[in-house]
PDB file of N, CA and C in Angstrom:
ATOM      1  N   MET A   1     119.455 117.017 102.345  1.00  0.00           N
ATOM      2  CA  MET A   1     119.021 115.642 102.579  1.00  0.00           C
ATOM      3  C   MET A   1     117.770 115.369 101.747  1.00  0.00           C
ATOM      4  N   LYS A   2     117.737 114.231 101.097  1.00  0.00           N
ATOM      5  CA  LYS A   2     116.599 113.838 100.291  1.00  0.00           C
ATOM      6  C   LYS A   2     115.515 113.214 101.157  1.00  0.00           C
ATOM      7  N   GLY A   3     114.290 113.257 100.638  1.00  0.00           N
ATOM      8  CA  GLY A   3     113.187 112.579 101.303  1.00  0.00           C
ATOM      9  C   GLY A   3     113.309 111.074 101.111  1.00  0.00           C
ATOM     10  N   SER A   4     112.322 110.358 101.632  1.00  0.00           N
ATOM     11  CA  SER A   4     112.340 108.903 101.508  1.00  0.00           C
ATOM     12  C   SER A   4     110.913 108.369 101.419  1.00  0.00           C
ATOM     13  N   ILE A   5     110.815 107.150 100.950  1.00  0.00           N
ATOM     14  CA  ILE A   5     109.545 106.431 100.924  1.00  0.00           C
ATOM     15  C   ILE A   5     109.742 105.146 101.717  1.00  0.00           C
ATOM     16  N   GLU A   6     108.867 104.917 102.669  1.00  0.00           N
ATOM     17  CA  GLU A   6     108.945 103.725 103.523  1.00  0.00           C
ATOM     18  C   GLU A   6     107.716 102.855 103.305  1.00  0.00           C
ATOM     19  N   VAL A   7     107.937 101.558 103.183  1.00  0.00           N
ATOM     20  CA  VAL A   7     106.856 100.584 103.147  1.00  0.00           C
ATOM     21  C   VAL A   7     106.901  99.862 104.486  1.00  0.00           C
ATOM     22  N   TYR A   8     105.748  99.760 105.145  1.00  0.00           N
ATOM     23  CA  TYR A   8     105.730  99.203 106.497  1.00  0.00           C
ATOM     24  C   TYR A   8     104.380  98.556 106.784  1.00  0.00           C
ATOM     25  N   THR A   9     104.302  97.851 107.905  1.00  0.00           N
ATOM     26  CA  THR A   9     103.024  97.322 108.389  1.00  0.00           C
ATOM     27  C   THR A   9     102.568  98.185 109.555  1.00  0.00           C
ATOM     28  N   ASP A  10     101.275  98.511 109.556  1.00  0.00           N
ATOM     29  CA  ASP A  10     100.738  99.322 110.642  1.00  0.00           C
ATOM     30  C   ASP A  10     100.386  98.433 111.836  1.00  0.00           C
ATOM     31  N   ASN A  11      99.848  99.013 112.878  1.00  0.00           N
ATOM     32  CA  ASN A  11      99.540  98.263 114.106  1.00  0.00           C
ATOM     33  C   ASN A  11      98.480  97.196 113.901  1.00  0.00           C
ATOM     34  N   ALA A  12      97.640  97.349 112.870  1.00  0.00           N
ATOM     35  CA  ALA A  12      96.589  96.367 112.583  1.00  0.00           C
ATOM     36  C   ALA A  12      97.080  95.268 111.638  1.00  0.00           C
ATOM     37  N   GLY A  13      98.332  95.356 111.190  1.00  0.00           N
ATOM     38  CA  GLY A  13      98.911  94.343 110.324  1.00  0.00           C
ATOM     39  C   GLY A  13      98.718  94.596 108.833  1.00  0.00           C
ATOM     40  N   PHE A  14      98.209  95.777 108.474  1.00  0.00           N
ATOM     41  CA  PHE A  14      98.046  96.124 107.072  1.00  0.00           C
ATOM     42  C   PHE A  14      99.328  96.770 106.543  1.00  0.00           C
ATOM     43  N   TYR A  15      99.487  96.720 105.238  1.00  0.00           N
ATOM     44  CA  TYR A  15     100.655  97.294 104.583  1.00  0.00           C
ATOM     45  C   TYR A  15     100.339  98.715 104.123  1.00  0.00           C
ATOM     46  N   ARG A  16     101.281  99.612 104.318  1.00  0.00           N
ATOM     47  CA  ARG A  16     101.133 101.012 103.934  1.00  0.00           C
ATOM     48  C   ARG A  16     102.484 101.519 103.426  1.00  0.00           C
ATOM     49  N   PHE A  17     102.442 102.665 102.772  1.00  0.00           N
ATOM     50  CA  PHE A  17     103.676 103.378 102.482  1.00  0.00           C
ATOM     51  C   PHE A  17     103.500 104.818 102.930  1.00  0.00           C
ATOM     52  N   ARG A  18     104.608 105.453 103.257  1.00  0.00           N
ATOM     53  CA  ARG A  18     104.586 106.860 103.647  1.00  0.00           C
ATOM     54  C   ARG A  18     105.751 107.555 102.963  1.00  0.00           C
ATOM     55  N   ILE A  19     105.499 108.796 102.602  1.00  0.00           N
ATOM     56  CA  ILE A  19     106.515 109.617 101.958  1.00  0.00           C
ATOM     57  C   ILE A  19     106.953 110.667 102.968  1.00  0.00           C
ATOM     58  N   LYS A  20     108.267 110.764 103.154  1.00  0.00           N
ATOM     59  CA  LYS A  20     108.828 111.723 104.110  1.00  0.00           C
ATOM     60  C   LYS A  20     109.641 112.769 103.369  1.00  0.00           C
ATOM     61  N   ASP A  21     109.631 113.981 103.893  1.00  0.00           N
ATOM     62  CA  ASP A  21     110.444 115.033 103.305  1.00  0.00           C
ATOM     63  C   ASP A  21     111.890 114.895 103.790  1.00  0.00           C
ATOM     64  N   GLY A  22     112.728 115.807 103.359  1.00  0.00           N
ATOM     65  CA  GLY A  22     114.145 115.751 103.705  1.00  0.00           C
ATOM     66  C   GLY A  22     114.445 115.890 105.174  1.00  0.00           C
ATOM     67  N   ASN A  23     113.495 116.407 105.949  1.00  0.00           N
ATOM     68  CA  ASN A  23     113.675 116.529 107.399  1.00  0.00           C
ATOM     69  C   ASN A  23     113.111 115.343 108.165  1.00  0.00           C
ATOM     70  N   GLY A  24     112.538 114.387 107.444  1.00  0.00           N
ATOM     71  CA  GLY A  24     111.982 113.201 108.089  1.00  0.00           C
ATOM     72  C   GLY A  24     110.518 113.315 108.467  1.00  0.00           C
ATOM     73  N   ALA A  25     109.878 114.442 108.140  1.00  0.00           N
ATOM     74  CA  ALA A  25     108.455 114.614 108.448  1.00  0.00           C
ATOM     75  C   ALA A  25     107.610 113.865 107.421  1.00  0.00           C
ATOM     76  N   VAL A  26     106.584 113.174 107.892  1.00  0.00           N
ATOM     77  CA  VAL A  26     105.681 112.446 107.004  1.00  0.00           C
ATOM     78  C   VAL A  26     104.789 113.457 106.294  1.00  0.00           C
ATOM     79  N   ILE A  27     104.777 113.405 104.958  1.00  0.00           N
ATOM     80  CA  ILE A  27     103.930 114.316 104.194  1.00  0.00           C
ATOM     81  C   ILE A  27     102.769 113.584 103.515  1.00  0.00           C
ATOM     82  N   VAL A  28     102.892 112.263 103.341  1.00  0.00           N
ATOM     83  CA  VAL A  28     101.816 111.458 102.759  1.00  0.00           C
ATOM     84  C   VAL A  28     101.849 110.078 103.399  1.00  0.00           C
ATOM     85  N   THR A  29     100.668 109.579 103.772  1.00  0.00           N
ATOM     86  CA  THR A  29     100.520 108.201 104.226  1.00  0.00           C
ATOM     87  C   THR A  29      99.446 107.552 103.369  1.00  0.00           C
ATOM     88  N   SER A  30      99.720 106.380 102.879  1.00  0.00           N
ATOM     89  CA  SER A  30      98.774 105.687 102.007  1.00  0.00           C
ATOM     90  C   SER A  30      97.631 105.086 102.796  1.00  0.00           C
ATOM     91  N   GLU A  31      96.657 104.611 102.049  1.00  0.00           N
ATOM     92  CA  GLU A  31      95.607 103.813 102.669  1.00  0.00           C
ATOM     93  C   GLU A  31      96.196 102.458 103.030  1.00  0.00           C
ATOM     94  N   ALA A  32      95.433 101.635 103.721  1.00  0.00           N
ATOM     95  CA  ALA A  32      95.892 100.310 104.141  1.00  0.00           C
ATOM     96  C   ALA A  32      95.645  99.296 103.028  1.00  0.00           C
ATOM     97  N   TYR A  33      96.611  98.413 102.818  1.00  0.00           N
ATOM     98  CA  TYR A  33      96.509  97.357 101.814  1.00  0.00           C
ATOM     99  C   TYR A  33      96.653  95.997 102.487  1.00  0.00           C
ATOM    100  N   GLY A  34      96.031  95.000 101.892  1.00  0.00           N
ATOM    101  CA  GLY A  34      96.043  93.656 102.468  1.00  0.00           C
ATOM    102  C   GLY A  34      97.322  92.886 102.236  1.00  0.00           C
ATOM    103  N   SER A  35      98.125  93.314 101.270  1.00  0.00           N
ATOM    104  CA  SER A  35      99.381  92.617 100.995  1.00  0.00           C
ATOM    105  C   SER A  35     100.481  93.624 100.653  1.00  0.00           C
ATOM    106  N   LYS A  36     101.704  93.190 100.831  1.00  0.00           N
ATOM    107  CA  LYS A  36     102.844  94.033 100.495  1.00  0.00           C
ATOM    108  C   LYS A  36     102.863  94.311  98.996  1.00  0.00           C
ATOM    109  N   ASP A  37     102.562  93.284  98.181  1.00  0.00           N
ATOM    110  CA  ASP A  37     102.537  93.466  96.734  1.00  0.00           C
ATOM    111  C   ASP A  37     101.535  94.537  96.320  1.00  0.00           C
ATOM    112  N   GLU A  38     100.359  94.538  96.936  1.00  0.00           N
ATOM    113  CA  GLU A  38      99.334  95.535  96.630  1.00  0.00           C
ATOM    114  C   GLU A  38      99.830  96.941  96.985  1.00  0.00           C
ATOM    115  N   ALA A  39     100.481  97.068  98.125  1.00  0.00           N
ATOM    116  CA  ALA A  39     101.039  98.368  98.528  1.00  0.00           C
ATOM    117  C   ALA A  39     102.096  98.829  97.534  1.00  0.00           C
ATOM    118  N   LEU A  40     102.970  97.920  97.099  1.00  0.00           N
ATOM    119  CA  LEU A  40     104.030  98.287  96.168  1.00  0.00           C
ATOM    120  C   LEU A  40     103.484  98.652  94.793  1.00  0.00           C
ATOM    121  N   ILE A  41     102.437  97.963  94.339  1.00  0.00           N
ATOM    122  CA  ILE A  41     101.808  98.290  93.058  1.00  0.00           C
ATOM    123  C   ILE A  41     101.223  99.696  93.109  1.00  0.00           C
ATOM    124  N   ASN A  42     100.542 100.022  94.199  1.00  0.00           N
ATOM    125  CA  ASN A  42      99.955 101.349  94.339  1.00  0.00           C
ATOM    126  C   ASN A  42     101.014 102.421  94.522  1.00  0.00           C
ATOM    127  N   LEU A  43     102.084 102.109  95.203  1.00  0.00           N
ATOM    128  CA  LEU A  43     103.201 103.049  95.331  1.00  0.00           C
ATOM    129  C   LEU A  43     103.789 103.339  93.963  1.00  0.00           C
ATOM    130  N   GLU A  44     103.979 102.319  93.159  1.00  0.00           N
ATOM    131  CA  GLU A  44     104.515 102.511  91.814  1.00  0.00           C
ATOM    132  C   GLU A  44     103.590 103.405  90.988  1.00  0.00           C
ATOM    133  N   SER A  45     102.298 103.217  91.152  1.00  0.00           N
ATOM    134  CA  SER A  45     101.330 104.054  90.452  1.00  0.00           C
ATOM    135  C   SER A  45     101.475 105.516  90.863  1.00  0.00           C
ATOM    136  N   VAL A  46     101.653 105.756  92.147  1.00  0.00           N
ATOM    137  CA  VAL A  46     101.852 107.121  92.639  1.00  0.00           C
ATOM    138  C   VAL A  46     103.148 107.701  92.074  1.00  0.00           C
ATOM    139  N   GLN A  47     104.216 106.928  92.110  1.00  0.00           N
ATOM    140  CA  GLN A  47     105.500 107.410  91.602  1.00  0.00           C
ATOM    141  C   GLN A  47     105.420 107.745  90.113  1.00  0.00           C
ATOM    142  N   ASN A  48     104.769 106.902  89.347  1.00  0.00           N
ATOM    143  CA  ASN A  48     104.685 107.113  87.901  1.00  0.00           C
ATOM    144  C   ASN A  48     103.754 108.263  87.538  1.00  0.00           C
ATOM    145  N   GLY A  49     102.689 108.454  88.299  1.00  0.00           N
ATOM    146  CA  GLY A  49     101.710 109.467  87.963  1.00  0.00           C
ATOM    147  C   GLY A  49     101.977 110.845  88.522  1.00  0.00           C
ATOM    148  N   ALA A  50     102.750 110.925  89.575  1.00  0.00           N
ATOM    149  CA  ALA A  50     102.921 112.203  90.273  1.00  0.00           C
ATOM    150  C   ALA A  50     103.561 113.280  89.399  1.00  0.00           C
ATOM    151  N   ALA A  51     104.559 112.931  88.649  1.00  0.00           N
ATOM    152  CA  ALA A  51     105.284 113.932  87.867  1.00  0.00           C
ATOM    153  C   ALA A  51     104.436 114.537  86.754  1.00  0.00           C
ATOM    154  N   SER A  52     103.496 113.775  86.222  1.00  0.00           N
ATOM    155  CA  SER A  52     102.704 114.268  85.096  1.00  0.00           C
ATOM    156  C   SER A  52     101.289 114.700  85.477  1.00  0.00           C
ATOM    157  N   THR A  53     100.970 114.615  86.758  1.00  0.00           N
ATOM    158  CA  THR A  53      99.632 114.982  87.206  1.00  0.00           C
ATOM    159  C   THR A  53      99.545 116.487  87.412  1.00  0.00           C
ATOM    160  N   PRO A  54      98.533 117.129  86.817  1.00  0.00           N
ATOM    161  CA  PRO A  54      98.417 118.578  86.990  1.00  0.00           C
ATOM    162  C   PRO A  54      97.975 118.945  88.411  1.00  0.00           C
ATOM    163  N   VAL A  55      98.384 120.100  88.852  1.00  0.00           N
ATOM    164  CA  VAL A  55      97.963 120.642  90.139  1.00  0.00           C
ATOM    165  C   VAL A  55      96.707 121.477  89.888  1.00  0.00           C
ATOM    166  N   VAL A  56      95.657 121.232  90.656  1.00  0.00           N
ATOM    167  CA  VAL A  56      94.411 121.984  90.538  1.00  0.00           C
ATOM    168  C   VAL A  56      94.335 122.932  91.723  1.00  0.00           C
ATOM    169  N   ASP A  57      94.362 124.215  91.460  1.00  0.00           N
ATOM    170  CA  ASP A  57      94.333 125.235  92.511  1.00  0.00           C
ATOM    171  C   ASP A  57      92.880 125.569  92.831  1.00  0.00           C
ATOM    172  N   LEU A  58      92.427 125.186  94.005  1.00  0.00           N
ATOM    173  CA  LEU A  58      91.055 125.438  94.431  1.00  0.00           C
ATOM    174  C   LEU A  58      90.968 126.593  95.417  1.00  0.00           C
ATOM    175  N   ILE A  59      92.076 127.236  95.704  1.00  0.00           N
ATOM    176  CA  ILE A  59      92.091 128.327  96.661  1.00  0.00           C
ATOM    177  C   ILE A  59      91.266 129.482  96.111  1.00  0.00           C
ATOM    178  N   GLY A  60      90.382 129.976  96.919  1.00  0.00           N
ATOM    179  CA  GLY A  60      89.501 131.051  96.515  1.00  0.00           C
ATOM    180  C   GLY A  60      88.197 130.555  95.929  1.00  0.00           C
ATOM    181  N   LEU A  61      88.104 129.252  95.691  1.00  0.00           N
ATOM    182  CA  LEU A  61      86.880 128.678  95.143  1.00  0.00           C
ATOM    183  C   LEU A  61      86.023 128.011  96.206  1.00  0.00           C
ATOM    184  N   GLU A  62      86.540 127.942  97.436  1.00  0.00           N
ATOM    185  CA  GLU A  62      85.800 127.295  98.510  1.00  0.00           C
ATOM    186  C   GLU A  62      84.572 128.108  98.863  1.00  0.00           C
ATOM    187  N   LYS A  63      83.558 127.404  99.289  1.00  0.00           N
ATOM    188  CA  LYS A  63      82.338 128.084  99.760  1.00  0.00           C
ATOM    189  C   LYS A  63      82.376 128.122 101.286  1.00  0.00           C
ATOM    190  N   ASP A  64      81.924 129.219 101.857  1.00  0.00           N
ATOM    191  CA  ASP A  64      81.900 129.338 103.322  1.00  0.00           C
ATOM    192  C   ASP A  64      80.712 128.615 103.889  1.00  0.00           C
TER     193      ASP A  64
END
C-alpha cells in the first residue's frame, strides 16, 4: 500500500497537509497556513525539493 498526502483544515480553521506512510501513520504534519492555496504551494515545494535534498546525518555529533 502506498502512502498518501492529505490537505485539510485543523480545529482552528487553518490549512495544513500531512504525509502518511503506507500503513496510514502520520509521518509529517505541516505548519498552519491561512489559505488552501498557501498550503498547496508549500506542499508543492516539499514535493519538488524532497527528492534532491541531501540527508545530513547528525548522529554522534550531539552534545550531552
